[in-house]
């Protein structure tokens, strides 16, 4: 899973969000290191909706403009959890190897 996808799914994990809210959450979650452009976000949301990982929760008109809210689906939550588990396993392997290095096990 690519980092923007992971961050978008993570942003939606605690509740529905509209596009601008997702952009802000992604930036906050990444510590300011990832700032998605609106076009990139909406293309990703379409792809994620096509995969069944994200769905439109509701729509409303705000100041004459349509605001669409997105939510994480159960399939999306399952996929996000699988990615968290995969990343956790990789992190454990890296930590183990770093401990060996620090203990003098590697040159």
PDB file of N, CA and C in Angstrom:
ATOM      1  N   UNK A   1       0.851  -1.180   0.000  1.00  0.00           N
ATOM      2  CA  UNK A   1       0.000   0.000   0.000  1.00  0.00           C
ATOM      3  C   UNK A   1       0.894   1.240   0.000  1.00  0.00           C
ATOM      4  N   UNK A   2       0.569   2.180  -0.849  1.00  0.00           N
ATOM      5  CA  UNK A   2       1.342   3.415  -0.912  1.00  0.00           C
ATOM      6  C   UNK A   2       0.994   4.322   0.272  1.00  0.00           C
ATOM      7  N   UNK A   3       1.945   5.155   0.637  1.00  0.00           N
ATOM      8  CA  UNK A   3       1.775   6.016   1.818  1.00  0.00           C
ATOM      9  C   UNK A   3       0.529   6.902   1.752  1.00  0.00           C
ATOM     10  N   UNK A   4       0.232   7.576   0.630  1.00  0.00           N
ATOM     11  CA  UNK A   4      -0.980   8.407   0.604  1.00  0.00           C
ATOM     12  C   UNK A   4      -2.256   7.603   0.876  1.00  0.00           C
ATOM     13  N   UNK A   5      -2.332   6.394   0.331  1.00  0.00           N
ATOM     14  CA  UNK A   5      -3.493   5.540   0.574  1.00  0.00           C
ATOM     15  C   UNK A   5      -3.602   5.212   2.054  1.00  0.00           C
ATOM     16  N   UNK A   6      -2.480   4.818   2.643  1.00  0.00           N
ATOM     17  CA  UNK A   6      -2.458   4.503   4.075  1.00  0.00           C
ATOM     18  C   UNK A   6      -2.929   5.699   4.902  1.00  0.00           C
ATOM     19  N   UNK A   7      -2.441   6.869   4.568  1.00  0.00           N
ATOM     20  CA  UNK A   7      -2.798   8.067   5.330  1.00  0.00           C
ATOM     21  C   UNK A   7      -4.261   8.465   5.138  1.00  0.00           C
ATOM     22  N   UNK A   8      -4.781   8.313   3.938  1.00  0.00           N
ATOM     23  CA  UNK A   8      -6.198   8.625   3.693  1.00  0.00           C
ATOM     24  C   UNK A   8      -7.079   7.670   4.489  1.00  0.00           C
ATOM     25  N   UNK A   9      -6.774   6.376   4.429  1.00  0.00           N
ATOM     26  CA  UNK A   9      -7.568   5.402   5.197  1.00  0.00           C
ATOM     27  C   UNK A   9      -7.461   5.673   6.693  1.00  0.00           C
ATOM     28  N   UNK A  10      -6.270   6.023   7.142  1.00  0.00           N
ATOM     29  CA  UNK A  10      -6.075   6.344   8.559  1.00  0.00           C
ATOM     30  C   UNK A  10      -6.891   7.575   8.953  1.00  0.00           C
ATOM     31  N   UNK A  11      -6.908   8.578   8.087  1.00  0.00           N
ATOM     32  CA  UNK A  11      -7.678   9.796   8.368  1.00  0.00           C
ATOM     33  C   UNK A  11      -9.163   9.493   8.519  1.00  0.00           C
ATOM     34  N   UNK A  12      -9.645   8.485   7.805  1.00  0.00           N
ATOM     35  CA  UNK A  12     -11.070   8.140   7.855  1.00  0.00           C
ATOM     36  C   UNK A  12     -11.399   7.100   8.928  1.00  0.00           C
ATOM     37  N   UNK A  13     -10.386   6.560   9.591  1.00  0.00           N
ATOM     38  CA  UNK A  13     -10.602   5.472  10.546  1.00  0.00           C
ATOM     39  C   UNK A  13     -11.436   5.880  11.748  1.00  0.00           C
ATOM     40  N   UNK A  14     -11.386   7.153  12.129  1.00  0.00           N
ATOM     41  CA  UNK A  14     -12.146   7.554  13.322  1.00  0.00           C
ATOM     42  C   UNK A  14     -13.428   8.314  12.984  1.00  0.00           C
ATOM     43  N   UNK A  15     -13.836   8.290  11.725  1.00  0.00           N
ATOM     44  CA  UNK A  15     -15.114   8.909  11.378  1.00  0.00           C
ATOM     45  C   UNK A  15     -15.090   9.541  10.002  1.00  0.00           C
ATOM     46  N   UNK A  16     -16.266   9.892   9.537  1.00  0.00           N
ATOM     47  CA  UNK A  16     -16.382  10.467   8.198  1.00  0.00           C
ATOM     48  C   UNK A  16     -15.765  11.856   8.139  1.00  0.00           C
ATOM     49  N   UNK A  17     -15.302  12.201   6.941  1.00  0.00           N
ATOM     50  CA  UNK A  17     -14.648  13.487   6.713  1.00  0.00           C
ATOM     51  C   UNK A  17     -14.966  13.964   5.305  1.00  0.00           C
ATOM     52  N   UNK A  18     -14.989  15.270   5.119  1.00  0.00           N
ATOM     53  CA  UNK A  18     -15.071  15.819   3.763  1.00  0.00           C
ATOM     54  C   UNK A  18     -13.646  15.992   3.251  1.00  0.00           C
ATOM     55  N   UNK A  19     -13.511  16.291   1.969  1.00  0.00           N
ATOM     56  CA  UNK A  19     -12.203  16.335   1.332  1.00  0.00           C
ATOM     57  C   UNK A  19     -11.186  17.215   2.029  1.00  0.00           C
ATOM     58  N   UNK A  20     -11.576  18.455   2.338  1.00  0.00           N
ATOM     59  CA  UNK A  20     -10.625  19.359   2.986  1.00  0.00           C
ATOM     60  C   UNK A  20     -10.211  18.817   4.357  1.00  0.00           C
ATOM     61  N   UNK A  21     -11.152  18.219   5.073  1.00  0.00           N
ATOM     62  CA  UNK A  21     -10.834  17.614   6.369  1.00  0.00           C
ATOM     63  C   UNK A  21      -9.833  16.481   6.229  1.00  0.00           C
ATOM     64  N   UNK A  22      -9.983  15.684   5.176  1.00  0.00           N
ATOM     65  CA  UNK A  22      -9.039  14.596   4.930  1.00  0.00           C
ATOM     66  C   UNK A  22      -7.656  15.165   4.639  1.00  0.00           C
ATOM     67  N   UNK A  23      -7.593  16.212   3.813  1.00  0.00           N
ATOM     68  CA  UNK A  23      -6.297  16.838   3.510  1.00  0.00           C
ATOM     69  C   UNK A  23      -5.597  17.299   4.784  1.00  0.00           C
ATOM     70  N   UNK A  24      -6.336  17.951   5.666  1.00  0.00           N
ATOM     71  CA  UNK A  24      -5.758  18.436   6.936  1.00  0.00           C
ATOM     72  C   UNK A  24      -5.310  17.274   7.816  1.00  0.00           C
ATOM     73  N   UNK A  25      -6.138  16.220   7.893  1.00  0.00           N
ATOM     74  CA  UNK A  25      -5.793  15.061   8.725  1.00  0.00           C
ATOM     75  C   UNK A  25      -4.552  14.347   8.219  1.00  0.00           C
ATOM     76  N   UNK A  26      -4.453  14.171   6.906  1.00  0.00           N
ATOM     77  CA  UNK A  26      -3.275  13.519   6.321  1.00  0.00           C
ATOM     78  C   UNK A  26      -2.020  14.309   6.686  1.00  0.00           C
ATOM     79  N   UNK A  27      -2.095  15.610   6.563  1.00  0.00           N
ATOM     80  CA  UNK A  27      -0.934  16.437   6.906  1.00  0.00           C
ATOM     81  C   UNK A  27      -0.596  16.308   8.396  1.00  0.00           C
ATOM     82  N   UNK A  28      -1.612  16.298   9.259  1.00  0.00           N
ATOM     83  CA  UNK A  28      -1.374  16.173  10.701  1.00  0.00           C
ATOM     84  C   UNK A  28      -0.807  14.798  11.056  1.00  0.00           C
ATOM     85  N   UNK A  29      -1.394  13.747  10.514  1.00  0.00           N
ATOM     86  CA  UNK A  29      -0.943  12.382  10.807  1.00  0.00           C
ATOM     87  C   UNK A  29       0.515  12.201  10.386  1.00  0.00           C
ATOM     88  N   UNK A  30       0.887  12.796   9.254  1.00  0.00           N
ATOM     89  CA  UNK A  30       2.241  12.639   8.727  1.00  0.00           C
ATOM     90  C   UNK A  30       3.225  13.628   9.335  1.00  0.00           C
ATOM     91  N   UNK A  31       2.790  14.403  10.292  1.00  0.00           N
ATOM     92  CA  UNK A  31       3.677  15.389  10.900  1.00  0.00           C
ATOM     93  C   UNK A  31       4.106  16.468   9.922  1.00  0.00           C
ATOM     94  N   UNK A  32       3.228  16.761   8.961  1.00  0.00           N
ATOM     95  CA  UNK A  32       3.515  17.795   7.982  1.00  0.00           C
ATOM     96  C   UNK A  32       4.369  17.333   6.815  1.00  0.00           C
ATOM     97  N   UNK A  33       4.718  16.062   6.780  1.00  0.00           N
ATOM     98  CA  UNK A  33       5.586  15.567   5.709  1.00  0.00           C
ATOM     99  C   UNK A  33       4.835  15.219   4.430  1.00  0.00           C
ATOM    100  N   UNK A  34       3.522  14.990   4.534  1.00  0.00           N
ATOM    101  CA  UNK A  34       2.725  14.680   3.345  1.00  0.00           C
ATOM    102  C   UNK A  34       1.606  15.703   3.254  1.00  0.00           C
ATOM    103  N   UNK A  35       1.604  16.444   2.164  1.00  0.00           N
ATOM    104  CA  UNK A  35       0.553  17.423   1.890  1.00  0.00           C
ATOM    105  C   UNK A  35      -0.015  17.088   0.518  1.00  0.00           C
ATOM    106  N   UNK A  36      -1.147  16.409   0.509  1.00  0.00           N
ATOM    107  CA  UNK A  36      -1.768  16.007  -0.750  1.00  0.00           C
ATOM    108  C   UNK A  36      -2.416  17.197  -1.433  1.00  0.00           C
ATOM    109  N   UNK A  37      -2.409  17.185  -2.735  1.00  0.00           N
ATOM    110  CA  UNK A  37      -3.160  18.173  -3.512  1.00  0.00           C
ATOM    111  C   UNK A  37      -4.585  17.652  -3.662  1.00  0.00           C
ATOM    112  N   UNK A  38      -5.513  18.569  -3.831  1.00  0.00           N
ATOM    113  CA  UNK A  38      -6.921  18.187  -3.938  1.00  0.00           C
ATOM    114  C   UNK A  38      -7.155  17.196  -5.069  1.00  0.00           C
ATOM    115  N   UNK A  39      -6.550  17.423  -6.221  1.00  0.00           N
ATOM    116  CA  UNK A  39      -6.735  16.514  -7.351  1.00  0.00           C
ATOM    117  C   UNK A  39      -6.249  15.110  -7.055  1.00  0.00           C
ATOM    118  N   UNK A  40      -5.115  15.032  -6.370  1.00  0.00           N
ATOM    119  CA  UNK A  40      -4.564  13.734  -5.975  1.00  0.00           C
ATOM    120  C   UNK A  40      -5.499  13.034  -5.005  1.00  0.00           C
ATOM    121  N   UNK A  41      -6.026  13.793  -4.035  1.00  0.00           N
ATOM    122  CA  UNK A  41      -6.935  13.215  -3.047  1.00  0.00           C
ATOM    123  C   UNK A  41      -8.181  12.662  -3.712  1.00  0.00           C
ATOM    124  N   UNK A  42      -8.829  13.454  -4.562  1.00  0.00           N
ATOM    125  CA  UNK A  42     -10.093  13.014  -5.145  1.00  0.00           C
ATOM    126  C   UNK A  42      -9.902  11.850  -6.105  1.00  0.00           C
ATOM    127  N   UNK A  43      -8.781  11.804  -6.810  1.00  0.00           N
ATOM    128  CA  UNK A  43      -8.486  10.636  -7.648  1.00  0.00           C
ATOM    129  C   UNK A  43      -8.302   9.395  -6.783  1.00  0.00           C
ATOM    130  N   UNK A  44      -7.613   9.557  -5.651  1.00  0.00           N
ATOM    131  CA  UNK A  44      -7.414   8.432  -4.730  1.00  0.00           C
ATOM    132  C   UNK A  44      -8.739   7.989  -4.126  1.00  0.00           C
ATOM    133  N   UNK A  45      -9.586   8.942  -3.746  1.00  0.00           N
ATOM    134  CA  UNK A  45     -10.888   8.580  -3.167  1.00  0.00           C
ATOM    135  C   UNK A  45     -11.741   7.814  -4.169  1.00  0.00           C
ATOM    136  N   UNK A  46     -11.698   8.209  -5.435  1.00  0.00           N
ATOM    137  CA  UNK A  46     -12.441   7.466  -6.468  1.00  0.00           C
ATOM    138  C   UNK A  46     -11.912   6.044  -6.588  1.00  0.00           C
ATOM    139  N   UNK A  47     -10.596   5.899  -6.594  1.00  0.00           N
ATOM    140  CA  UNK A  47      -9.981   4.575  -6.682  1.00  0.00           C
ATOM    141  C   UNK A  47     -10.328   3.733  -5.461  1.00  0.00           C
ATOM    142  N   UNK A  48     -10.263   4.343  -4.283  1.00  0.00           N
ATOM    143  CA  UNK A  48     -10.575   3.615  -3.047  1.00  0.00           C
ATOM    144  C   UNK A  48     -12.052   3.238  -2.980  1.00  0.00           C
ATOM    145  N   UNK A  49     -12.916   4.098  -3.484  1.00  0.00           N
ATOM    146  CA  UNK A  49     -14.340   3.771  -3.547  1.00  0.00           C
ATOM    147  C   UNK A  49     -14.563   2.611  -4.518  1.00  0.00           C
ATOM    148  N   UNK A  50     -13.856   2.624  -5.638  1.00  0.00           N
ATOM    149  CA  UNK A  50     -13.957   1.530  -6.596  1.00  0.00           C
ATOM    150  C   UNK A  50     -13.492   0.206  -6.024  1.00  0.00           C
ATOM    151  N   UNK A  51     -12.550   0.262  -5.090  1.00  0.00           N
ATOM    152  CA  UNK A  51     -12.046  -0.941  -4.416  1.00  0.00           C
ATOM    153  C   UNK A  51     -12.956  -1.376  -3.274  1.00  0.00           C
ATOM    154  N   UNK A  52     -13.899  -0.507  -2.901  1.00  0.00           N
ATOM    155  CA  UNK A  52     -14.797  -0.830  -1.793  1.00  0.00           C
ATOM    156  C   UNK A  52     -14.224  -0.510  -0.429  1.00  0.00           C
ATOM    157  N   UNK A  53     -13.131   0.244  -0.391  1.00  0.00           N
ATOM    158  CA  UNK A  53     -12.500   0.573   0.887  1.00  0.00           C
ATOM    159  C   UNK A  53     -13.034   1.862   1.492  1.00  0.00           C
ATOM    160  N   UNK A  54     -13.606   2.719   0.661  1.00  0.00           N
ATOM    161  CA  UNK A  54     -14.162   4.006   1.071  1.00  0.00           C
ATOM    162  C   UNK A  54     -15.513   4.151   0.396  1.00  0.00           C
ATOM    163  N   UNK A  55     -16.427   4.836   1.064  1.00  0.00           N
ATOM    164  CA  UNK A  55     -17.746   5.091   0.472  1.00  0.00           C
ATOM    165  C   UNK A  55     -18.172   6.518   0.807  1.00  0.00           C
ATOM    166  N   UNK A  56     -19.054   7.046  -0.015  1.00  0.00           N
ATOM    167  CA  UNK A  56     -19.625   8.357   0.275  1.00  0.00           C
ATOM    168  C   UNK A  56     -20.616   8.159   1.418  1.00  0.00           C
ATOM    169  N   UNK A  57     -20.439   8.911   2.493  1.00  0.00           N
ATOM    170  CA  UNK A  57     -21.315   8.809   3.658  1.00  0.00           C
ATOM    171  C   UNK A  57     -22.539   9.698   3.493  1.00  0.00           C
ATOM    172  N   UNK A  58     -22.318  10.912   2.983  1.00  0.00           N
ATOM    173  CA  UNK A  58     -23.415  11.863   2.797  1.00  0.00           C
ATOM    174  C   UNK A  58     -22.916  13.047   1.996  1.00  0.00           C
ATOM    175  N   UNK A  59     -23.847  13.849   1.558  1.00  0.00           N
ATOM    176  CA  UNK A  59     -23.526  15.075   0.830  1.00  0.00           C
ATOM    177  C   UNK A  59     -24.376  16.199   1.394  1.00  0.00           C
ATOM    178  N   UNK A  60     -23.835  17.412   1.361  1.00  0.00           N
ATOM    179  CA  UNK A  60     -24.594  18.579   1.778  1.00  0.00           C
ATOM    180  C   UNK A  60     -24.123  19.775   0.959  1.00  0.00           C
ATOM    181  N   UNK A  61     -24.955  20.769   0.880  1.00  0.00           N
ATOM    182  CA  UNK A  61     -24.594  21.996   0.172  1.00  0.00           C
ATOM    183  C   UNK A  61     -24.183  23.029   1.220  1.00  0.00           C
ATOM    184  N   UNK A  62     -22.982  23.558   1.065  1.00  0.00           N
ATOM    185  CA  UNK A  62     -22.437  24.568   1.969  1.00  0.00           C
ATOM    186  C   UNK A  62     -22.025  25.759   1.112  1.00  0.00           C
ATOM    187  N   UNK A  63     -22.633  26.902   1.379  1.00  0.00           N
ATOM    188  CA  UNK A  63     -22.351  28.133   0.632  1.00  0.00           C
ATOM    189  C   UNK A  63     -22.458  27.900  -0.872  1.00  0.00           C
ATOM    190  N   UNK A  64     -23.495  27.163  -1.259  1.00  0.00           N
ATOM    191  CA  UNK A  64     -23.767  26.925  -2.665  1.00  0.00           C
ATOM    192  C   UNK A  64     -22.904  25.865  -3.329  1.00  0.00           C
ATOM    193  N   UNK A  65     -22.054  25.211  -2.564  1.00  0.00           N
ATOM    194  CA  UNK A  65     -21.183  24.180  -3.120  1.00  0.00           C
ATOM    195  C   UNK A  65     -21.473  22.843  -2.467  1.00  0.00           C
ATOM    196  N   UNK A  66     -21.390  21.789  -3.275  1.00  0.00           N
ATOM    197  CA  UNK A  66     -21.608  20.443  -2.765  1.00  0.00           C
ATOM    198  C   UNK A  66     -20.404  19.998  -1.949  1.00  0.00           C
ATOM    199  N   UNK A  67     -20.671  19.537  -0.745  1.00  0.00           N
ATOM    200  CA  UNK A  67     -19.611  18.986   0.100  1.00  0.00           C
ATOM    201  C   UNK A  67     -19.936  17.506   0.304  1.00  0.00           C
ATOM    202  N   UNK A  68     -18.998  16.670  -0.081  1.00  0.00           N
ATOM    203  CA  UNK A  68     -19.178  15.223   0.022  1.00  0.00           C
ATOM    204  C   UNK A  68     -18.341  14.711   1.188  1.00  0.00           C
ATOM    205  N   UNK A  69     -18.965  13.903   2.024  1.00  0.00           N
ATOM    206  CA  UNK A  69     -18.292  13.284   3.162  1.00  0.00           C
ATOM    207  C   UNK A  69     -18.026  11.811   2.843  1.00  0.00           C
ATOM    208  N   UNK A  70     -16.842  11.359   3.208  1.00  0.00           N
ATOM    209  CA  UNK A  70     -16.430   9.986   2.939  1.00  0.00           C
ATOM    210  C   UNK A  70     -16.284   9.233   4.252  1.00  0.00           C
ATOM    211  N   UNK A  71     -16.453   7.921   4.171  1.00  0.00           N
ATOM    212  CA  UNK A  71     -16.268   7.070   5.350  1.00  0.00           C
ATOM    213  C   UNK A  71     -15.465   5.837   4.962  1.00  0.00           C
ATOM    214  N   UNK A  72     -14.810   5.262   5.934  1.00  0.00           N
ATOM    215  CA  UNK A  72     -14.075   4.017   5.762  1.00  0.00           C
ATOM    216  C   UNK A  72     -15.080   2.870   5.821  1.00  0.00           C
ATOM    217  N   UNK A  73     -15.027   1.957   4.873  1.00  0.00           N
ATOM    218  CA  UNK A  73     -15.912   0.789   4.901  1.00  0.00           C
ATOM    219  C   UNK A  73     -15.289  -0.296   5.774  1.00  0.00           C
ATOM    220  N   UNK A  74     -16.056  -1.338   6.055  1.00  0.00           N
ATOM    221  CA  UNK A  74     -15.508  -2.469   6.801  1.00  0.00           C
ATOM    222  C   UNK A  74     -14.345  -3.103   6.036  1.00  0.00           C
ATOM    223  N   UNK A  75     -14.475  -3.224   4.714  1.00  0.00           N
ATOM    224  CA  UNK A  75     -13.374  -3.770   3.910  1.00  0.00           C
ATOM    225  C   UNK A  75     -12.153  -2.857   3.992  1.00  0.00           C
ATOM    226  N   UNK A  76     -12.373  -1.559   3.991  1.00  0.00           N
ATOM    227  CA  UNK A  76     -11.276  -0.614   4.110  1.00  0.00           C
ATOM    228  C   UNK A  76     -10.583  -0.731   5.459  1.00  0.00           C
ATOM    229  N   UNK A  77     -11.365  -0.903   6.517  1.00  0.00           N
ATOM    230  CA  UNK A  77     -10.789  -1.056   7.856  1.00  0.00           C
ATOM    231  C   UNK A  77      -9.987  -2.353   7.950  1.00  0.00           C
ATOM    232  N   UNK A  78     -10.490  -3.407   7.331  1.00  0.00           N
ATOM    233  CA  UNK A  78      -9.761  -4.682   7.316  1.00  0.00           C
ATOM    234  C   UNK A  78      -8.445  -4.531   6.579  1.00  0.00           C
ATOM    235  N   UNK A  79      -8.473  -3.847   5.453  1.00  0.00           N
ATOM    236  CA  UNK A  79      -7.255  -3.640   4.653  1.00  0.00           C
ATOM    237  C   UNK A  79      -6.260  -2.744   5.386  1.00  0.00           C
ATOM    238  N   UNK A  80      -6.771  -1.705   6.063  1.00  0.00           N
ATOM    239  CA  UNK A  80      -5.898  -0.825   6.845  1.00  0.00           C
ATOM    240  C   UNK A  80      -5.245  -1.608   7.978  1.00  0.00           C
ATOM    241  N   UNK A  81      -6.016  -2.451   8.661  1.00  0.00           N
ATOM    242  CA  UNK A  81      -5.450  -3.255   9.750  1.00  0.00           C
ATOM    243  C   UNK A  81      -4.383  -4.212   9.235  1.00  0.00           C
ATOM    244  N   UNK A  82      -4.617  -4.794   8.070  1.00  0.00           N
ATOM    245  CA  UNK A  82      -3.620  -5.693   7.483  1.00  0.00           C
ATOM    246  C   UNK A  82      -2.326  -4.935   7.191  1.00  0.00           C
ATOM    247  N   UNK A  83      -2.453  -3.705   6.716  1.00  0.00           N
ATOM    248  CA  UNK A  83      -1.261  -2.900   6.431  1.00  0.00           C
ATOM    249  C   UNK A  83      -0.546  -2.510   7.721  1.00  0.00           C
ATOM    250  N   UNK A  84      -1.300  -2.178   8.762  1.00  0.00           N
ATOM    251  CA  UNK A  84      -0.690  -1.871  10.064  1.00  0.00           C
ATOM    252  C   UNK A  84       0.087  -3.083  10.565  1.00  0.00           C
ATOM    253  N   UNK A  85      -0.506  -4.266  10.445  1.00  0.00           N
ATOM    254  CA  UNK A  85       0.165  -5.495  10.891  1.00  0.00           C
ATOM    255  C   UNK A  85       1.435  -5.745  10.092  1.00  0.00           C
ATOM    256  N   UNK A  86       1.380  -5.521   8.781  1.00  0.00           N
ATOM    257  CA  UNK A  86       2.544  -5.714   7.921  1.00  0.00           C
ATOM    258  C   UNK A  86       3.660  -4.735   8.304  1.00  0.00           C
ATOM    259  N   UNK A  87       3.289  -3.475   8.500  1.00  0.00           N
ATOM    260  CA  UNK A  87       4.277  -2.463   8.868  1.00  0.00           C
ATOM    261  C   UNK A  87       4.862  -2.743  10.250  1.00  0.00           C
ATOM    262  N   UNK A  88       4.032  -3.224  11.162  1.00  0.00           N
ATOM    263  CA  UNK A  88       4.506  -3.553  12.510  1.00  0.00           C
ATOM    264  C   UNK A  88       5.545  -4.671  12.440  1.00  0.00           C
ATOM    265  N   UNK A  89       5.310  -5.688  11.609  1.00  0.00           N
ATOM    266  CA  UNK A  89       6.266  -6.788  11.460  1.00  0.00           C
ATOM    267  C   UNK A  89       7.580  -6.278  10.886  1.00  0.00           C
ATOM    268  N   UNK A  90       7.504  -5.383   9.915  1.00  0.00           N
ATOM    269  CA  UNK A  90       8.722  -4.810   9.339  1.00  0.00           C
ATOM    270  C   UNK A  90       9.466  -3.972  10.368  1.00  0.00           C
ATOM    271  N   UNK A  91       8.728  -3.246  11.182  1.00  0.00           N
ATOM    272  CA  UNK A  91       9.346  -2.426  12.221  1.00  0.00           C
ATOM    273  C   UNK A  91      10.057  -3.297  13.249  1.00  0.00           C
ATOM    274  N   UNK A  92       9.420  -4.406  13.635  1.00  0.00           N
ATOM    275  CA  UNK A  92      10.072  -5.321  14.590  1.00  0.00           C
ATOM    276  C   UNK A  92      11.371  -5.864  14.012  1.00  0.00           C
ATOM    277  N   UNK A  93      11.370  -6.239  12.736  1.00  0.00           N
ATOM    278  CA  UNK A  93      12.583  -6.757  12.103  1.00  0.00           C
ATOM    279  C   UNK A  93      13.680  -5.699  12.091  1.00  0.00           C
ATOM    280  N   UNK A  94      13.328  -4.461  11.753  1.00  0.00           N
ATOM    281  CA  UNK A  94      14.315  -3.385  11.726  1.00  0.00           C
ATOM    282  C   UNK A  94      14.872  -3.113  13.117  1.00  0.00           C
ATOM    283  N   UNK A  95      13.994  -3.080  14.123  1.00  0.00           N
ATOM    284  CA  UNK A  95      14.444  -2.841  15.490  1.00  0.00           C
ATOM    285  C   UNK A  95      15.392  -3.940  15.963  1.00  0.00           C
ATOM    286  N   UNK A  96      15.069  -5.184  15.648  1.00  0.00           N
ATOM    287  CA  UNK A  96      15.908  -6.311  16.032  1.00  0.00           C
ATOM    288  C   UNK A  96      17.294  -6.191  15.409  1.00  0.00           C
ATOM    289  N   UNK A  97      17.338  -5.846  14.143  1.00  0.00           N
ATOM    290  CA  UNK A  97      18.615  -5.716  13.458  1.00  0.00           C
ATOM    291  C   UNK A  97      19.416  -4.520  13.986  1.00  0.00           C
ATOM    292  N   UNK A  98      18.735  -3.461  14.326  1.00  0.00           N
ATOM    293  CA  UNK A  98      19.435  -2.307  14.902  1.00  0.00           C
ATOM    294  C   UNK A  98      19.998  -2.633  16.276  1.00  0.00           C
ATOM    295  N   UNK A  99      19.248  -3.410  17.067  1.00  0.00           N
ATOM    296  CA  UNK A  99      19.766  -3.817  18.381  1.00  0.00           C
ATOM    297  C   UNK A  99      21.031  -4.662  18.213  1.00  0.00           C
ATOM    298  N   UNK A 100      21.018  -5.581  17.240  1.00  0.00           N
ATOM    299  CA  UNK A 100      22.211  -6.389  16.976  1.00  0.00           C
ATOM    300  C   UNK A 100      23.386  -5.512  16.577  1.00  0.00           C
ATOM    301  N   UNK A 101      23.109  -4.549  15.737  1.00  0.00           N
ATOM    302  CA  UNK A 101      24.167  -3.633  15.283  1.00  0.00           C
ATOM    303  C   UNK A 101      24.750  -2.873  16.470  1.00  0.00           C
ATOM    304  N   UNK A 102      23.854  -2.349  17.324  1.00  0.00           N
ATOM    305  CA  UNK A 102      24.308  -1.573  18.483  1.00  0.00           C
ATOM    306  C   UNK A 102      25.087  -2.445  19.471  1.00  0.00           C
ATOM    307  N   UNK A 103      24.765  -3.723  19.502  1.00  0.00           N
ATOM    308  CA  UNK A 103      25.464  -4.649  20.406  1.00  0.00           C
ATOM    309  C   UNK A 103      26.762  -5.150  19.800  1.00  0.00           C
ATOM    310  N   UNK A 104      27.059  -4.691  18.592  1.00  0.00           N
ATOM    311  CA  UNK A 104      28.309  -5.090  17.958  1.00  0.00           C
ATOM    312  C   UNK A 104      28.188  -6.335  17.093  1.00  0.00           C
ATOM    313  N   UNK A 105      26.970  -6.741  16.803  1.00  0.00           N
ATOM    314  CA  UNK A 105      26.758  -7.952  15.997  1.00  0.00           C
ATOM    315  C   UNK A 105      27.008  -7.747  14.523  1.00  0.00           C
ATOM    316  N   UNK A 106      27.001  -6.494  14.062  1.00  0.00           N
ATOM    317  CA  UNK A 106      27.260  -6.193  12.653  1.00  0.00           C
ATOM    318  C   UNK A 106      28.396  -5.191  12.558  1.00  0.00           C
ATOM    319  N   UNK A 107      29.156  -5.296  11.508  1.00  0.00           N
ATOM    320  CA  UNK A 107      30.255  -4.340  11.295  1.00  0.00           C
ATOM    321  C   UNK A 107      29.736  -3.105  10.610  1.00  0.00           C
TER     322      UNK A 107
END
